[in-house]
Amino acid sequence: MRPDDIRQLLAAKPFRPFRFTLTDGTSYEVRHPELVYVGRSTIFLGIPAKEEPEQPIYDDFRLIGLLHIMQAEPLDSAAP
């Protein structure tokens, strides 16, 4: 996936939560655009704290290569 594609998803107004699916089958939900930082070849993805999942505070993080992101799809709860 290209950096511009991810930036577009993060900048959507209103923001719609989505899920990344990686080449190894792992998936990550993005509910807070503030927890994703886009680089040229990777993204930094903050994993929300379990005690406060609705707050943009991370407990852990993943550094994910853009080449490993197969798709980004809206979360069902975000569907109109």
N, C-alpha and C. Protein backbone atom coordinates (compact mmCIF):
# COMPACT_ATOMS: atom_id res chain seq x y z
N MET A 1 0.86 -1.18 0.00
CA MET A 1 0.00 0.00 0.00
C MET A 1 0.90 1.23 0.00
N ARG A 2 0.47 2.27 -0.69
CA ARG A 2 1.26 3.50 -0.79
C ARG A 2 1.02 4.42 0.40
N PRO A 3 2.03 5.20 0.79
CA PRO A 3 1.86 6.14 1.90
C PRO A 3 0.68 7.09 1.69
N ASP A 4 0.50 7.57 0.46
CA ASP A 4 -0.60 8.50 0.18
C ASP A 4 -1.97 7.86 0.41
N ASP A 5 -2.10 6.57 0.12
CA ASP A 5 -3.36 5.88 0.35
C ASP A 5 -3.70 5.86 1.83
N ILE A 6 -2.69 5.59 2.66
CA ILE A 6 -2.92 5.54 4.10
C ILE A 6 -3.22 6.94 4.64
N ARG A 7 -2.47 7.94 4.19
CA ARG A 7 -2.74 9.32 4.63
C ARG A 7 -4.16 9.75 4.28
N GLN A 8 -4.64 9.33 3.13
CA GLN A 8 -6.00 9.67 2.72
C GLN A 8 -7.03 9.04 3.66
N LEU A 9 -6.82 7.79 4.03
CA LEU A 9 -7.73 7.13 4.98
C LEU A 9 -7.72 7.84 6.33
N LEU A 10 -6.55 8.25 6.78
CA LEU A 10 -6.41 8.89 8.09
C LEU A 10 -6.99 10.31 8.11
N ALA A 11 -6.98 10.98 6.96
CA ALA A 11 -7.44 12.37 6.89
C ALA A 11 -8.93 12.50 6.58
N ALA A 12 -9.62 11.39 6.33
CA ALA A 12 -11.04 11.44 5.97
C ALA A 12 -11.84 12.18 7.02
N LYS A 13 -12.75 13.02 6.56
CA LYS A 13 -13.65 13.76 7.45
C LYS A 13 -15.08 13.40 7.12
N PRO A 14 -15.84 12.78 8.00
CA PRO A 14 -15.39 12.32 9.30
C PRO A 14 -14.52 11.07 9.17
N PHE A 15 -13.68 10.85 10.16
CA PHE A 15 -12.82 9.67 10.16
C PHE A 15 -13.67 8.42 10.30
N ARG A 16 -13.38 7.42 9.49
CA ARG A 16 -14.07 6.12 9.56
C ARG A 16 -13.06 5.06 9.98
N PRO A 17 -13.25 4.42 11.13
CA PRO A 17 -12.33 3.37 11.56
C PRO A 17 -12.20 2.28 10.49
N PHE A 18 -11.01 1.71 10.40
CA PHE A 18 -10.77 0.68 9.39
C PHE A 18 -9.82 -0.37 9.95
N ARG A 19 -9.64 -1.42 9.16
CA ARG A 19 -8.79 -2.55 9.54
C ARG A 19 -7.75 -2.77 8.44
N PHE A 20 -6.48 -2.87 8.85
CA PHE A 20 -5.41 -3.28 7.95
C PHE A 20 -5.31 -4.80 8.00
N THR A 21 -5.15 -5.45 6.85
CA THR A 21 -4.84 -6.87 6.79
C THR A 21 -3.47 -7.01 6.16
N LEU A 22 -2.60 -7.78 6.82
CA LEU A 22 -1.22 -7.96 6.36
C LEU A 22 -1.05 -9.25 5.58
N THR A 23 0.08 -9.37 4.92
CA THR A 23 0.35 -10.55 4.10
C THR A 23 0.37 -11.85 4.90
N ASP A 24 0.67 -11.78 6.20
CA ASP A 24 0.69 -13.00 7.01
C ASP A 24 -0.67 -13.32 7.63
N GLY A 25 -1.70 -12.53 7.28
CA GLY A 25 -3.04 -12.76 7.78
C GLY A 25 -3.38 -11.98 9.04
N THR A 26 -2.39 -11.36 9.66
CA THR A 26 -2.63 -10.54 10.84
C THR A 26 -3.44 -9.31 10.44
N SER A 27 -4.33 -8.88 11.33
CA SER A 27 -5.08 -7.65 11.06
C SER A 27 -5.02 -6.75 12.29
N TYR A 28 -5.08 -5.46 12.02
CA TYR A 28 -5.05 -4.44 13.07
C TYR A 28 -6.15 -3.42 12.80
N GLU A 29 -6.90 -3.09 13.84
CA GLU A 29 -7.93 -2.07 13.72
C GLU A 29 -7.33 -0.70 13.99
N VAL A 30 -7.76 0.27 13.20
CA VAL A 30 -7.35 1.65 13.40
C VAL A 30 -8.60 2.43 13.76
N ARG A 31 -8.71 2.79 15.03
CA ARG A 31 -9.86 3.55 15.51
C ARG A 31 -9.50 4.99 15.83
N HIS A 32 -8.21 5.28 15.87
CA HIS A 32 -7.72 6.62 16.19
C HIS A 32 -6.65 7.01 15.18
N PRO A 33 -6.93 7.96 14.30
CA PRO A 33 -5.91 8.35 13.32
C PRO A 33 -4.66 8.92 13.99
N GLU A 34 -4.79 9.39 15.23
CA GLU A 34 -3.66 9.95 15.95
C GLU A 34 -2.60 8.91 16.31
N LEU A 35 -2.95 7.63 16.23
CA LEU A 35 -2.04 6.56 16.61
C LEU A 35 -1.31 5.94 15.42
N VAL A 36 -1.42 6.57 14.24
CA VAL A 36 -0.75 6.05 13.05
C VAL A 36 0.16 7.14 12.48
N TYR A 37 1.43 6.80 12.30
CA TYR A 37 2.39 7.70 11.68
C TYR A 37 2.91 7.02 10.43
N VAL A 38 2.85 7.74 9.32
CA VAL A 38 3.19 7.17 8.02
C VAL A 38 4.59 7.60 7.60
N GLY A 39 5.42 6.61 7.26
CA GLY A 39 6.75 6.87 6.73
C GLY A 39 6.80 6.48 5.26
N ARG A 40 7.97 6.54 4.69
CA ARG A 40 8.13 6.19 3.27
C ARG A 40 7.88 4.71 3.01
N SER A 41 8.35 3.87 3.93
CA SER A 41 8.22 2.44 3.69
C SER A 41 7.60 1.68 4.86
N THR A 42 7.27 2.38 5.95
CA THR A 42 6.66 1.74 7.12
C THR A 42 5.60 2.65 7.72
N ILE A 43 4.78 2.06 8.58
CA ILE A 43 3.90 2.86 9.43
C ILE A 43 4.19 2.46 10.87
N PHE A 44 4.04 3.42 11.76
CA PHE A 44 4.05 3.19 13.20
C PHE A 44 2.59 3.12 13.59
N LEU A 45 2.18 2.01 14.20
CA LEU A 45 0.79 1.82 14.59
C LEU A 45 0.71 1.61 16.09
N GLY A 46 0.14 2.57 16.80
CA GLY A 46 -0.05 2.44 18.24
C GLY A 46 -1.22 1.52 18.53
N ILE A 47 -1.03 0.60 19.47
CA ILE A 47 -2.09 -0.32 19.90
C ILE A 47 -2.73 0.29 21.14
N PRO A 48 -4.03 0.65 21.07
CA PRO A 48 -4.67 1.34 22.20
C PRO A 48 -4.57 0.57 23.52
N ALA A 49 -4.46 1.33 24.59
CA ALA A 49 -4.42 0.74 25.93
C ALA A 49 -5.73 0.01 26.20
N LYS A 50 -5.66 -1.18 26.77
CA LYS A 50 -6.86 -1.98 27.03
C LYS A 50 -7.78 -1.31 28.04
N GLU A 51 -7.21 -0.56 28.96
CA GLU A 51 -8.02 0.10 29.98
C GLU A 51 -8.84 1.26 29.41
N GLU A 52 -8.33 1.85 28.33
CA GLU A 52 -9.00 3.00 27.73
C GLU A 52 -9.01 2.88 26.20
N PRO A 53 -9.72 1.88 25.64
CA PRO A 53 -9.67 1.66 24.19
C PRO A 53 -10.26 2.80 23.36
N GLU A 54 -11.08 3.62 23.96
CA GLU A 54 -11.70 4.72 23.21
C GLU A 54 -10.85 5.99 23.23
N GLN A 55 -9.73 5.96 23.94
CA GLN A 55 -8.84 7.11 24.01
C GLN A 55 -7.63 6.87 23.10
N PRO A 56 -7.10 7.94 22.48
CA PRO A 56 -5.93 7.76 21.62
C PRO A 56 -4.63 7.68 22.43
N ILE A 57 -4.58 6.68 23.32
CA ILE A 57 -3.40 6.44 24.16
C ILE A 57 -2.95 5.02 23.86
N TYR A 58 -1.66 4.84 23.53
CA TYR A 58 -1.23 3.50 23.18
C TYR A 58 -0.45 2.82 24.31
N ASP A 59 -0.61 1.51 24.37
CA ASP A 59 0.07 0.64 25.33
C ASP A 59 1.27 -0.02 24.68
N ASP A 60 1.13 -0.30 23.40
CA ASP A 60 2.14 -1.03 22.64
C ASP A 60 2.12 -0.47 21.22
N PHE A 61 3.04 -0.89 20.39
CA PHE A 61 3.06 -0.41 19.01
C PHE A 61 3.60 -1.48 18.10
N ARG A 62 3.34 -1.30 16.81
CA ARG A 62 3.89 -2.16 15.76
C ARG A 62 4.50 -1.25 14.70
N LEU A 63 5.62 -1.69 14.15
CA LEU A 63 6.22 -1.04 13.00
C LEU A 63 5.96 -1.98 11.83
N ILE A 64 5.17 -1.53 10.86
CA ILE A 64 4.69 -2.40 9.78
C ILE A 64 5.20 -1.90 8.44
N GLY A 65 5.80 -2.78 7.67
CA GLY A 65 6.24 -2.44 6.32
C GLY A 65 5.04 -2.25 5.40
N LEU A 66 5.06 -1.17 4.63
CA LEU A 66 3.94 -0.89 3.73
C LEU A 66 3.73 -2.01 2.72
N LEU A 67 4.79 -2.69 2.34
CA LEU A 67 4.67 -3.80 1.38
C LEU A 67 3.86 -4.95 1.95
N HIS A 68 3.72 -5.01 3.28
CA HIS A 68 2.98 -6.10 3.91
C HIS A 68 1.50 -5.79 4.13
N ILE A 69 1.09 -4.58 3.84
CA ILE A 69 -0.33 -4.22 4.00
C ILE A 69 -1.05 -4.59 2.71
N MET A 70 -1.90 -5.62 2.79
CA MET A 70 -2.63 -6.10 1.61
C MET A 70 -3.87 -5.27 1.35
N GLN A 71 -4.58 -4.89 2.43
CA GLN A 71 -5.83 -4.14 2.24
C GLN A 71 -6.17 -3.35 3.48
N ALA A 72 -7.01 -2.38 3.27
CA ALA A 72 -7.60 -1.61 4.36
C ALA A 72 -9.11 -1.60 4.09
N GLU A 73 -9.88 -2.03 5.08
CA GLU A 73 -11.32 -2.10 4.89
C GLU A 73 -12.02 -1.43 6.07
N PRO A 74 -13.15 -0.77 5.81
CA PRO A 74 -13.88 -0.13 6.92
C PRO A 74 -14.37 -1.19 7.91
N LEU A 75 -14.39 -0.82 9.18
CA LEU A 75 -14.94 -1.71 10.19
C LEU A 75 -16.46 -1.73 10.03
N ASP A 76 -17.06 -2.88 10.30
CA ASP A 76 -18.51 -3.03 10.16
C ASP A 76 -19.27 -1.99 10.96
N SER A 77 -18.79 -1.69 12.17
CA SER A 77 -19.49 -0.73 13.01
C SER A 77 -19.43 0.68 12.43
N ALA A 78 -18.52 0.91 11.48
CA ALA A 78 -18.42 2.22 10.87
C ALA A 78 -19.21 2.35 9.59
N ALA A 79 -19.85 1.27 9.16
CA ALA A 79 -20.62 1.31 7.92
C ALA A 79 -21.83 2.21 8.09
N PRO A 80 -22.19 2.99 7.04
CA PRO A 80 -23.35 3.89 7.16
C PRO A 80 -24.65 3.13 7.25
